[in-house]
Amino acid sequence: IQFEFDSSVLKTDSYAVLDQIAREMQKDLKAKFILHGHASIEGTASYNMKLSIDRANAVKLYLVNFGIPSANLEVQGHGATQPIASNDTESGRALNRRVEIKVVK
């Protein structure tokens, strides 16, 4: 789930993906998930950590409102410590502004 620069507001084009994810999650309400929030390199480390947590919480709120039990969703913020693309370009920074959802085994 991608985010705009300096924002934890869900983009409207993320809704369809989140709806699909929520429908899959509803198939096994015992399954647990970690919502990993990330940020690009702009800003201080502490600000990026807060922003990444806020992003993960925005995804969690959406999923809870869809009917996923809150207890099934753990939020973790990583700030800018785990980029998936170069922070030297805007396109890379845009990819790093994200929330990844992982199943807990």
PDB file of N, CA and C in Angstrom:
ATOM      1  N   ILE A   1       0.868  -1.169   0.000  1.00  0.00           N
ATOM      2  CA  ILE A   1       0.000   0.000   0.000  1.00  0.00           C
ATOM      3  C   ILE A   1       0.913   1.230   0.000  1.00  0.00           C
ATOM      4  N   GLN A   2       0.804   2.054  -1.020  1.00  0.00           N
ATOM      5  CA  GLN A   2       1.683   3.223  -1.185  1.00  0.00           C
ATOM      6  C   GLN A   2       1.042   4.479  -0.571  1.00  0.00           C
ATOM      7  N   PHE A   3       1.904   5.435  -0.207  1.00  0.00           N
ATOM      8  CA  PHE A   3       1.459   6.687   0.394  1.00  0.00           C
ATOM      9  C   PHE A   3       2.146   7.863  -0.286  1.00  0.00           C
ATOM     10  N   GLU A   4       1.493   9.015  -0.214  1.00  0.00           N
ATOM     11  CA  GLU A   4       2.082  10.253  -0.714  1.00  0.00           C
ATOM     12  C   GLU A   4       3.167  10.735   0.244  1.00  0.00           C
ATOM     13  N   PHE A   5       3.998  11.641  -0.229  1.00  0.00           N
ATOM     14  CA  PHE A   5       5.052  12.250   0.586  1.00  0.00           C
ATOM     15  C   PHE A   5       4.453  12.870   1.843  1.00  0.00           C
ATOM     16  N   ASP A   6       5.039  12.585   2.990  1.00  0.00           N
ATOM     17  CA  ASP A   6       4.677  13.190   4.272  1.00  0.00           C
ATOM     18  C   ASP A   6       3.197  12.989   4.632  1.00  0.00           C
ATOM     19  N   SER A   7       2.649  11.836   4.264  1.00  0.00           N
ATOM     20  CA  SER A   7       1.231  11.594   4.502  1.00  0.00           C
ATOM     21  C   SER A   7       1.012  10.175   5.013  1.00  0.00           C
ATOM     22  N   SER A   8       0.036  10.058   5.911  1.00  0.00           N
ATOM     23  CA  SER A   8      -0.410   8.735   6.353  1.00  0.00           C
ATOM     24  C   SER A   8      -1.860   8.496   5.935  1.00  0.00           C
ATOM     25  N   VAL A   9      -2.347   9.314   5.019  1.00  0.00           N
ATOM     26  CA  VAL A   9      -3.716   9.182   4.515  1.00  0.00           C
ATOM     27  C   VAL A   9      -3.725   8.160   3.381  1.00  0.00           C
ATOM     28  N   LEU A  10      -4.631   7.199   3.457  1.00  0.00           N
ATOM     29  CA  LEU A  10      -4.735   6.194   2.403  1.00  0.00           C
ATOM     30  C   LEU A  10      -5.115   6.857   1.084  1.00  0.00           C
ATOM     31  N   LYS A  11      -4.465   6.441   0.023  1.00  0.00           N
ATOM     32  CA  LYS A  11      -4.812   6.911  -1.312  1.00  0.00           C
ATOM     33  C   LYS A  11      -6.054   6.155  -1.774  1.00  0.00           C
ATOM     34  N   THR A  12      -6.939   6.828  -2.479  1.00  0.00           N
ATOM     35  CA  THR A  12      -8.180   6.185  -2.904  1.00  0.00           C
ATOM     36  C   THR A  12      -7.915   4.994  -3.809  1.00  0.00           C
ATOM     37  N   ASP A  13      -6.808   4.999  -4.548  1.00  0.00           N
ATOM     38  CA  ASP A  13      -6.536   3.850  -5.402  1.00  0.00           C
ATOM     39  C   ASP A  13      -6.056   2.633  -4.606  1.00  0.00           C
ATOM     40  N   SER A  14      -5.857   2.800  -3.297  1.00  0.00           N
ATOM     41  CA  SER A  14      -5.504   1.663  -2.435  1.00  0.00           C
ATOM     42  C   SER A  14      -6.734   0.905  -1.940  1.00  0.00           C
ATOM     43  N   TYR A  15      -7.897   1.513  -2.034  1.00  0.00           N
ATOM     44  CA  TYR A  15      -9.102   0.896  -1.473  1.00  0.00           C
ATOM     45  C   TYR A  15      -9.402  -0.463  -2.093  1.00  0.00           C
ATOM     46  N   ALA A  16      -9.308  -0.573  -3.406  1.00  0.00           N
ATOM     47  CA  ALA A  16      -9.633  -1.842  -4.066  1.00  0.00           C
ATOM     48  C   ALA A  16      -8.681  -2.944  -3.611  1.00  0.00           C
ATOM     49  N   VAL A  17      -7.410  -2.614  -3.492  1.00  0.00           N
ATOM     50  CA  VAL A  17      -6.415  -3.594  -3.033  1.00  0.00           C
ATOM     51  C   VAL A  17      -6.700  -3.980  -1.586  1.00  0.00           C
ATOM     52  N   LEU A  18      -6.992  -3.000  -0.743  1.00  0.00           N
ATOM     53  CA  LEU A  18      -7.286  -3.291   0.654  1.00  0.00           C
ATOM     54  C   LEU A  18      -8.566  -4.109   0.808  1.00  0.00           C
ATOM     55  N   ASP A  19      -9.560  -3.838  -0.020  1.00  0.00           N
ATOM     56  CA  ASP A  19     -10.795  -4.633   0.017  1.00  0.00           C
ATOM     57  C   ASP A  19     -10.495  -6.092  -0.328  1.00  0.00           C
ATOM     58  N   GLN A  20      -9.665  -6.305  -1.338  1.00  0.00           N
ATOM     59  CA  GLN A  20      -9.292  -7.661  -1.737  1.00  0.00           C
ATOM     60  C   GLN A  20      -8.514  -8.349  -0.609  1.00  0.00           C
ATOM     61  N   ILE A  21      -7.580  -7.639  -0.002  1.00  0.00           N
ATOM     62  CA  ILE A  21      -6.804  -8.189   1.121  1.00  0.00           C
ATOM     63  C   ILE A  21      -7.737  -8.545   2.273  1.00  0.00           C
ATOM     64  N   ALA A  22      -8.666  -7.656   2.603  1.00  0.00           N
ATOM     65  CA  ALA A  22      -9.595  -7.895   3.715  1.00  0.00           C
ATOM     66  C   ALA A  22     -10.462  -9.126   3.447  1.00  0.00           C
ATOM     67  N   ARG A  23     -10.914  -9.283   2.203  1.00  0.00           N
ATOM     68  CA  ARG A  23     -11.722 -10.466   1.875  1.00  0.00           C
ATOM     69  C   ARG A  23     -10.913 -11.748   2.073  1.00  0.00           C
ATOM     70  N   GLU A  24      -9.643 -11.727   1.727  1.00  0.00           N
ATOM     71  CA  GLU A  24      -8.782 -12.891   1.953  1.00  0.00           C
ATOM     72  C   GLU A  24      -8.586 -13.133   3.450  1.00  0.00           C
ATOM     73  N   MET A  25      -8.393 -12.057   4.208  1.00  0.00           N
ATOM     74  CA  MET A  25      -8.216 -12.179   5.656  1.00  0.00           C
ATOM     75  C   MET A  25      -9.456 -12.771   6.321  1.00  0.00           C
ATOM     76  N   GLN A  26     -10.627 -12.455   5.796  1.00  0.00           N
ATOM     77  CA  GLN A  26     -11.875 -12.941   6.389  1.00  0.00           C
ATOM     78  C   GLN A  26     -12.061 -14.449   6.207  1.00  0.00           C
ATOM     79  N   LYS A  27     -11.307 -15.047   5.313  1.00  0.00           N
ATOM     80  CA  LYS A  27     -11.419 -16.492   5.089  1.00  0.00           C
ATOM     81  C   LYS A  27     -10.892 -17.291   6.274  1.00  0.00           C
ATOM     82  N   ASP A  28     -10.004 -16.687   7.071  1.00  0.00           N
ATOM     83  CA  ASP A  28      -9.470 -17.360   8.261  1.00  0.00           C
ATOM     84  C   ASP A  28      -9.288 -16.307   9.354  1.00  0.00           C
ATOM     85  N   LEU A  29     -10.306 -16.150  10.174  1.00  0.00           N
ATOM     86  CA  LEU A  29     -10.268 -15.102  11.204  1.00  0.00           C
ATOM     87  C   LEU A  29      -9.353 -15.455  12.374  1.00  0.00           C
ATOM     88  N   LYS A  30      -8.692 -16.603  12.315  1.00  0.00           N
ATOM     89  CA  LYS A  30      -7.679 -16.935  13.322  1.00  0.00           C
ATOM     90  C   LYS A  30      -6.293 -16.475  12.884  1.00  0.00           C
ATOM     91  N   ALA A  31      -6.141 -16.162  11.618  1.00  0.00           N
ATOM     92  CA  ALA A  31      -4.837 -15.748  11.087  1.00  0.00           C
ATOM     93  C   ALA A  31      -4.437 -14.386  11.654  1.00  0.00           C
ATOM     94  N   LYS A  32      -3.153 -14.241  11.909  1.00  0.00           N
ATOM     95  CA  LYS A  32      -2.593 -12.985  12.424  1.00  0.00           C
ATOM     96  C   LYS A  32      -1.706 -12.357  11.352  1.00  0.00           C
ATOM     97  N   PHE A  33      -1.658 -11.024  11.372  1.00  0.00           N
ATOM     98  CA  PHE A  33      -0.900 -10.292  10.362  1.00  0.00           C
ATOM     99  C   PHE A  33      -0.089  -9.176  11.020  1.00  0.00           C
ATOM    100  N   ILE A  34       1.047  -8.883  10.426  1.00  0.00           N
ATOM    101  CA  ILE A  34       1.838  -7.725  10.848  1.00  0.00           C
ATOM    102  C   ILE A  34       1.771  -6.697   9.730  1.00  0.00           C
ATOM    103  N   LEU A  35       1.447  -5.483  10.100  1.00  0.00           N
ATOM    104  CA  LEU A  35       1.408  -4.359   9.166  1.00  0.00           C
ATOM    105  C   LEU A  35       2.712  -3.580   9.346  1.00  0.00           C
ATOM    106  N   HIS A  36       3.606  -3.700   8.379  1.00  0.00           N
ATOM    107  CA  HIS A  36       4.924  -3.073   8.446  1.00  0.00           C
ATOM    108  C   HIS A  36       4.873  -1.717   7.751  1.00  0.00           C
ATOM    109  N   GLY A  37       4.967  -0.635   8.531  1.00  0.00           N
ATOM    110  CA  GLY A  37       4.971   0.705   7.973  1.00  0.00           C
ATOM    111  C   GLY A  37       6.379   1.163   7.647  1.00  0.00           C
ATOM    112  N   HIS A  38       6.510   1.885   6.521  1.00  0.00           N
ATOM    113  CA  HIS A  38       7.813   2.363   6.054  1.00  0.00           C
ATOM    114  C   HIS A  38       7.704   3.808   5.585  1.00  0.00           C
ATOM    115  N   ALA A  39       8.855   4.467   5.549  1.00  0.00           N
ATOM    116  CA  ALA A  39       8.927   5.845   5.072  1.00  0.00           C
ATOM    117  C   ALA A  39      10.141   5.998   4.157  1.00  0.00           C
ATOM    118  N   SER A  40      10.146   7.059   3.375  1.00  0.00           N
ATOM    119  CA  SER A  40      11.330   7.380   2.587  1.00  0.00           C
ATOM    120  C   SER A  40      12.298   8.167   3.480  1.00  0.00           C
ATOM    121  N   ILE A  41      13.425   8.543   2.943  1.00  0.00           N
ATOM    122  CA  ILE A  41      14.530   9.069   3.755  1.00  0.00           C
ATOM    123  C   ILE A  41      14.331  10.531   4.212  1.00  0.00           C
ATOM    124  N   GLU A  42      13.443  11.270   3.554  1.00  0.00           N
ATOM    125  CA  GLU A  42      13.262  12.670   3.948  1.00  0.00           C
ATOM    126  C   GLU A  42      12.776  12.753   5.387  1.00  0.00           C
ATOM    127  N   GLY A  43      13.228  13.758   6.105  1.00  0.00           N
ATOM    128  CA  GLY A  43      12.804  13.934   7.495  1.00  0.00           C
ATOM    129  C   GLY A  43      13.766  13.270   8.466  1.00  0.00           C
ATOM    130  N   THR A  44      13.536  13.536   9.745  1.00  0.00           N
ATOM    131  CA  THR A  44      14.399  12.961  10.778  1.00  0.00           C
ATOM    132  C   THR A  44      14.022  11.503  11.026  1.00  0.00           C
ATOM    133  N   ALA A  45      14.914  10.765  11.638  1.00  0.00           N
ATOM    134  CA  ALA A  45      14.646   9.358  11.935  1.00  0.00           C
ATOM    135  C   ALA A  45      13.417   9.210  12.825  1.00  0.00           C
ATOM    136  N   SER A  46      13.294  10.080  13.835  1.00  0.00           N
ATOM    137  CA  SER A  46      12.156   9.967  14.750  1.00  0.00           C
ATOM    138  C   SER A  46      10.848  10.329  14.043  1.00  0.00           C
ATOM    139  N   TYR A  47      10.874  11.338  13.176  1.00  0.00           N
ATOM    140  CA  TYR A  47       9.671  11.703  12.436  1.00  0.00           C
ATOM    141  C   TYR A  47       9.253  10.563  11.495  1.00  0.00           C
ATOM    142  N   ASN A  48      10.231  10.000  10.792  1.00  0.00           N
ATOM    143  CA  ASN A  48       9.929   8.910   9.864  1.00  0.00           C
ATOM    144  C   ASN A  48       9.393   7.685  10.591  1.00  0.00           C
ATOM    145  N   MET A  49       9.889   7.430  11.808  1.00  0.00           N
ATOM    146  CA  MET A  49       9.377   6.307  12.583  1.00  0.00           C
ATOM    147  C   MET A  49       7.911   6.534  12.923  1.00  0.00           C
ATOM    148  N   LYS A  50       7.585   7.735  13.399  1.00  0.00           N
ATOM    149  CA  LYS A  50       6.192   8.067  13.720  1.00  0.00           C
ATOM    150  C   LYS A  50       5.316   7.969  12.473  1.00  0.00           C
ATOM    151  N   LEU A  51       5.801   8.500  11.360  1.00  0.00           N
ATOM    152  CA  LEU A  51       5.032   8.470  10.109  1.00  0.00           C
ATOM    153  C   LEU A  51       4.786   7.032   9.657  1.00  0.00           C
ATOM    154  N   SER A  52       5.789   6.183   9.782  1.00  0.00           N
ATOM    155  CA  SER A  52       5.616   4.793   9.354  1.00  0.00           C
ATOM    156  C   SER A  52       4.593   4.068  10.240  1.00  0.00           C
ATOM    157  N   ILE A  53       4.577   4.367  11.518  1.00  0.00           N
ATOM    158  CA  ILE A  53       3.580   3.789  12.425  1.00  0.00           C
ATOM    159  C   ILE A  53       2.183   4.321  12.083  1.00  0.00           C
ATOM    160  N   ASP A  54       2.100   5.615  11.809  1.00  0.00           N
ATOM    161  CA  ASP A  54       0.814   6.210  11.427  1.00  0.00           C
ATOM    162  C   ASP A  54       0.274   5.567  10.141  1.00  0.00           C
ATOM    163  N   ARG A  55       1.155   5.286   9.194  1.00  0.00           N
ATOM    164  CA  ARG A  55       0.733   4.648   7.943  1.00  0.00           C
ATOM    165  C   ARG A  55       0.192   3.241   8.214  1.00  0.00           C
ATOM    166  N   ALA A  56       0.909   2.483   9.030  1.00  0.00           N
ATOM    167  CA  ALA A  56       0.450   1.130   9.360  1.00  0.00           C
ATOM    168  C   ALA A  56      -0.884   1.179  10.105  1.00  0.00           C
ATOM    169  N   ASN A  57      -1.046   2.158  10.983  1.00  0.00           N
ATOM    170  CA  ASN A  57      -2.309   2.308  11.712  1.00  0.00           C
ATOM    171  C   ASN A  57      -3.456   2.703  10.781  1.00  0.00           C
ATOM    172  N   ALA A  58      -3.167   3.472   9.727  1.00  0.00           N
ATOM    173  CA  ALA A  58      -4.212   3.832   8.753  1.00  0.00           C
ATOM    174  C   ALA A  58      -4.705   2.584   8.035  1.00  0.00           C
ATOM    175  N   VAL A  59      -3.789   1.691   7.682  1.00  0.00           N
ATOM    176  CA  VAL A  59      -4.175   0.432   7.045  1.00  0.00           C
ATOM    177  C   VAL A  59      -4.959  -0.429   8.034  1.00  0.00           C
ATOM    178  N   LYS A  60      -4.491  -0.472   9.278  1.00  0.00           N
ATOM    179  CA  LYS A  60      -5.189  -1.265  10.297  1.00  0.00           C
ATOM    180  C   LYS A  60      -6.619  -0.772  10.480  1.00  0.00           C
ATOM    181  N   LEU A  61      -6.810   0.529  10.590  1.00  0.00           N
ATOM    182  CA  LEU A  61      -8.148   1.095  10.770  1.00  0.00           C
ATOM    183  C   LEU A  61      -9.061   0.709   9.600  1.00  0.00           C
ATOM    184  N   TYR A  62      -8.534   0.776   8.395  1.00  0.00           N
ATOM    185  CA  TYR A  62      -9.332   0.403   7.225  1.00  0.00           C
ATOM    186  C   TYR A  62      -9.769  -1.051   7.328  1.00  0.00           C
ATOM    187  N   LEU A  63      -8.822  -1.924   7.671  1.00  0.00           N
ATOM    188  CA  LEU A  63      -9.130  -3.351   7.751  1.00  0.00           C
ATOM    189  C   LEU A  63     -10.098  -3.664   8.890  1.00  0.00           C
ATOM    190  N   VAL A  64      -9.941  -2.989  10.020  1.00  0.00           N
ATOM    191  CA  VAL A  64     -10.853  -3.184  11.152  1.00  0.00           C
ATOM    192  C   VAL A  64     -12.262  -2.725  10.755  1.00  0.00           C
ATOM    193  N   ASN A  65     -12.351  -1.605  10.068  1.00  0.00           N
ATOM    194  CA  ASN A  65     -13.656  -1.120   9.617  1.00  0.00           C
ATOM    195  C   ASN A  65     -14.294  -2.072   8.611  1.00  0.00           C
ATOM    196  N   PHE A  66     -13.483  -2.858   7.931  1.00  0.00           N
ATOM    197  CA  PHE A  66     -13.970  -3.854   6.986  1.00  0.00           C
ATOM    198  C   PHE A  66     -14.469  -5.100   7.706  1.00  0.00           C
ATOM    199  N   GLY A  67     -14.058  -5.266   8.971  1.00  0.00           N
ATOM    200  CA  GLY A  67     -14.518  -6.403   9.757  1.00  0.00           C
ATOM    201  C   GLY A  67     -13.425  -7.334  10.242  1.00  0.00           C
ATOM    202  N   ILE A  68     -12.161  -6.977  10.014  1.00  0.00           N
ATOM    203  CA  ILE A  68     -11.054  -7.797  10.498  1.00  0.00           C
ATOM    204  C   ILE A  68     -10.842  -7.475  11.983  1.00  0.00           C
ATOM    205  N   PRO A  69     -10.765  -8.489  12.843  1.00  0.00           N
ATOM    206  CA  PRO A  69     -10.545  -8.220  14.272  1.00  0.00           C
ATOM    207  C   PRO A  69      -9.229  -7.472  14.521  1.00  0.00           C
ATOM    208  N   SER A  70      -9.305  -6.429  15.306  1.00  0.00           N
ATOM    209  CA  SER A  70      -8.121  -5.631  15.631  1.00  0.00           C
ATOM    210  C   SER A  70      -7.003  -6.483  16.223  1.00  0.00           C
ATOM    211  N   ALA A  71      -7.382  -7.483  17.023  1.00  0.00           N
ATOM    212  CA  ALA A  71      -6.387  -8.340  17.673  1.00  0.00           C
ATOM    213  C   ALA A  71      -5.584  -9.162  16.670  1.00  0.00           C
ATOM    214  N   ASN A  72      -6.071  -9.279  15.441  1.00  0.00           N
ATOM    215  CA  ASN A  72      -5.364 -10.040  14.414  1.00  0.00           C
ATOM    216  C   ASN A  72      -4.303  -9.212  13.690  1.00  0.00           C
ATOM    217  N   LEU A  73      -4.253  -7.908  13.983  1.00  0.00           N
ATOM    218  CA  LEU A  73      -3.395  -6.997  13.238  1.00  0.00           C
ATOM    219  C   LEU A  73      -2.400  -6.311  14.164  1.00  0.00           C
ATOM    220  N   GLU A  74      -1.129  -6.592  13.966  1.00  0.00           N
ATOM    221  CA  GLU A  74      -0.073  -5.955  14.745  1.00  0.00           C
ATOM    222  C   GLU A  74       0.594  -4.893  13.878  1.00  0.00           C
ATOM    223  N   VAL A  75       0.840  -3.727  14.453  1.00  0.00           N
ATOM    224  CA  VAL A  75       1.472  -2.618  13.746  1.00  0.00           C
ATOM    225  C   VAL A  75       2.943  -2.537  14.137  1.00  0.00           C
ATOM    226  N   GLN A  76       3.798  -2.415  13.124  1.00  0.00           N
ATOM    227  CA  GLN A  76       5.221  -2.177  13.357  1.00  0.00           C
ATOM    228  C   GLN A  76       5.680  -1.060  12.439  1.00  0.00           C
ATOM    229  N   GLY A  77       6.424  -0.120  13.000  1.00  0.00           N
ATOM    230  CA  GLY A  77       6.997   0.954  12.204  1.00  0.00           C
ATOM    231  C   GLY A  77       8.485   0.734  12.024  1.00  0.00           C
ATOM    232  N   HIS A  78       8.957   1.009  10.820  1.00  0.00           N
ATOM    233  CA  HIS A  78      10.371   0.827  10.515  1.00  0.00           C
ATOM    234  C   HIS A  78      11.041   2.115  10.047  1.00  0.00           C
ATOM    235  N   GLY A  79      10.291   3.196   9.987  1.00  0.00           N
ATOM    236  CA  GLY A  79      10.872   4.452   9.509  1.00  0.00           C
ATOM    237  C   GLY A  79      11.440   4.266   8.113  1.00  0.00           C
ATOM    238  N   ALA A  80      12.656   4.792   7.919  1.00  0.00           N
ATOM    239  CA  ALA A  80      13.324   4.691   6.611  1.00  0.00           C
ATOM    240  C   ALA A  80      14.416   3.622   6.627  1.00  0.00           C
ATOM    241  N   THR A  81      14.360   2.693   7.595  1.00  0.00           N
ATOM    242  CA  THR A  81      15.455   1.742   7.787  1.00  0.00           C
ATOM    243  C   THR A  81      15.424   0.548   6.834  1.00  0.00           C
ATOM    244  N   GLN A  82      14.313   0.335   6.111  1.00  0.00           N
ATOM    245  CA  GLN A  82      14.209  -0.836   5.235  1.00  0.00           C
ATOM    246  C   GLN A  82      13.706  -0.439   3.845  1.00  0.00           C
ATOM    247  N   PRO A  83      14.483   0.365   3.128  1.00  0.00           N
ATOM    248  CA  PRO A  83      14.032   0.771   1.789  1.00  0.00           C
ATOM    249  C   PRO A  83      14.009  -0.419   0.830  1.00  0.00           C
ATOM    250  N   ILE A  84      13.072  -0.386  -0.115  1.00  0.00           N
ATOM    251  CA  ILE A  84      13.033  -1.398  -1.168  1.00  0.00           C
ATOM    252  C   ILE A  84      13.536  -0.825  -2.481  1.00  0.00           C
ATOM    253  N   ALA A  85      13.804   0.473  -2.489  1.00  0.00           N
ATOM    254  CA  ALA A  85      14.302   1.151  -3.681  1.00  0.00           C
ATOM    255  C   ALA A  85      15.257   2.262  -3.230  1.00  0.00           C
ATOM    256  N   SER A  86      15.985   2.815  -4.171  1.00  0.00           N
ATOM    257  CA  SER A  86      16.938   3.870  -3.863  1.00  0.00           C
ATOM    258  C   SER A  86      16.219   5.131  -3.389  1.00  0.00           C
ATOM    259  N   ASN A  87      16.749   5.736  -2.347  1.00  0.00           N
ATOM    260  CA  ASN A  87      16.218   7.019  -1.892  1.00  0.00           C
ATOM    261  C   ASN A  87      16.855   8.189  -2.633  1.00  0.00           C
ATOM    262  N   ASP A  88      17.651   7.890  -3.671  1.00  0.00           N
ATOM    263  CA  ASP A  88      18.321   8.939  -4.445  1.00  0.00           C
ATOM    264  C   ASP A  88      17.429   9.528  -5.530  1.00  0.00           C
ATOM    265  N   THR A  89      16.311   8.859  -5.832  1.00  0.00           N
ATOM    266  CA  THR A  89      15.392   9.361  -6.853  1.00  0.00           C
ATOM    267  C   THR A  89      13.981   9.469  -6.269  1.00  0.00           C
ATOM    268  N   GLU A  90      13.174  10.333  -6.852  1.00  0.00           N
ATOM    269  CA  GLU A  90      11.801  10.481  -6.383  1.00  0.00           C
ATOM    270  C   GLU A  90      11.009   9.197  -6.600  1.00  0.00           C
ATOM    271  N   SER A  91      11.233   8.525  -7.715  1.00  0.00           N
ATOM    272  CA  SER A  91      10.493   7.288  -7.956  1.00  0.00           C
ATOM    273  C   SER A  91      10.865   6.225  -6.920  1.00  0.00           C
ATOM    274  N   GLY A  92      12.121   6.188  -6.516  1.00  0.00           N
ATOM    275  CA  GLY A  92      12.538   5.255  -5.472  1.00  0.00           C
ATOM    276  C   GLY A  92      11.948   5.620  -4.125  1.00  0.00           C
ATOM    277  N   ARG A  93      11.992   6.897  -3.792  1.00  0.00           N
ATOM    278  CA  ARG A  93      11.415   7.349  -2.517  1.00  0.00           C
ATOM    279  C   ARG A  93       9.923   7.048  -2.463  1.00  0.00           C
ATOM    280  N   ALA A  94       9.222   7.206  -3.594  1.00  0.00           N
ATOM    281  CA  ALA A  94       7.788   6.922  -3.642  1.00  0.00           C
ATOM    282  C   ALA A  94       7.525   5.449  -3.323  1.00  0.00           C
ATOM    283  N   LEU A  95       8.362   4.559  -3.812  1.00  0.00           N
ATOM    284  CA  LEU A  95       8.191   3.132  -3.522  1.00  0.00           C
ATOM    285  C   LEU A  95       8.442   2.814  -2.050  1.00  0.00           C
ATOM    286  N   ASN A  96       9.283   3.586  -1.413  1.00  0.00           N
ATOM    287  CA  ASN A  96       9.619   3.351  -0.008  1.00  0.00           C
ATOM    288  C   ASN A  96       8.540   3.839   0.955  1.00  0.00           C
ATOM    289  N   ARG A  97       7.621   4.647   0.490  1.00  0.00           N
ATOM    290  CA  ARG A  97       6.502   5.142   1.310  1.00  0.00           C
ATOM    291  C   ARG A  97       5.380   4.122   1.233  1.00  0.00           C
ATOM    292  N   ARG A  98       5.409   3.138   2.167  1.00  0.00           N
ATOM    293  CA  ARG A  98       4.516   2.002   1.982  1.00  0.00           C
ATOM    294  C   ARG A  98       4.170   1.315   3.285  1.00  0.00           C
ATOM    295  N   VAL A  99       3.162   0.444   3.196  1.00  0.00           N
ATOM    296  CA  VAL A  99       2.849  -0.518   4.261  1.00  0.00           C
ATOM    297  C   VAL A  99       2.812  -1.892   3.589  1.00  0.00           C
ATOM    298  N   GLU A 100       3.542  -2.820   4.180  1.00  0.00           N
ATOM    299  CA  GLU A 100       3.534  -4.212   3.730  1.00  0.00           C
ATOM    300  C   GLU A 100       2.790  -5.046   4.752  1.00  0.00           C
ATOM    301  N   ILE A 101       2.005  -5.977   4.277  1.00  0.00           N
ATOM    302  CA  ILE A 101       1.221  -6.853   5.164  1.00  0.00           C
ATOM    303  C   ILE A 101       1.781  -8.256   5.059  1.00  0.00           C
ATOM    304  N   LYS A 102       2.167  -8.808   6.197  1.00  0.00           N
ATOM    305  CA  LYS A 102       2.747 -10.148   6.224  1.00  0.00           C
ATOM    306  C   LYS A 102       1.916 -11.036   7.159  1.00  0.00           C
ATOM    307  N   VAL A 103       1.753 -12.275   6.749  1.00  0.00           N
ATOM    308  CA  VAL A 103       1.068 -13.265   7.582  1.00  0.00           C
ATOM    309  C   VAL A 103       2.045 -13.761   8.641  1.00  0.00           C
ATOM    310  N   VAL A 104       1.550 -13.901   9.876  1.00  0.00           N
ATOM    311  CA  VAL A 104       2.350 -14.465  10.958  1.00  0.00           C
ATOM    312  C   VAL A 104       2.054 -15.957  10.989  1.00  0.00           C
ATOM    313  N   LYS A 105       3.064 -16.750  10.919  1.00  0.00           N
ATOM    314  CA  LYS A 105       2.869 -18.219  10.928  1.00  0.00           C
ATOM    315  C   LYS A 105       2.766 -18.733  12.340  1.00  0.00           C
TER     316      LYS A 105
END
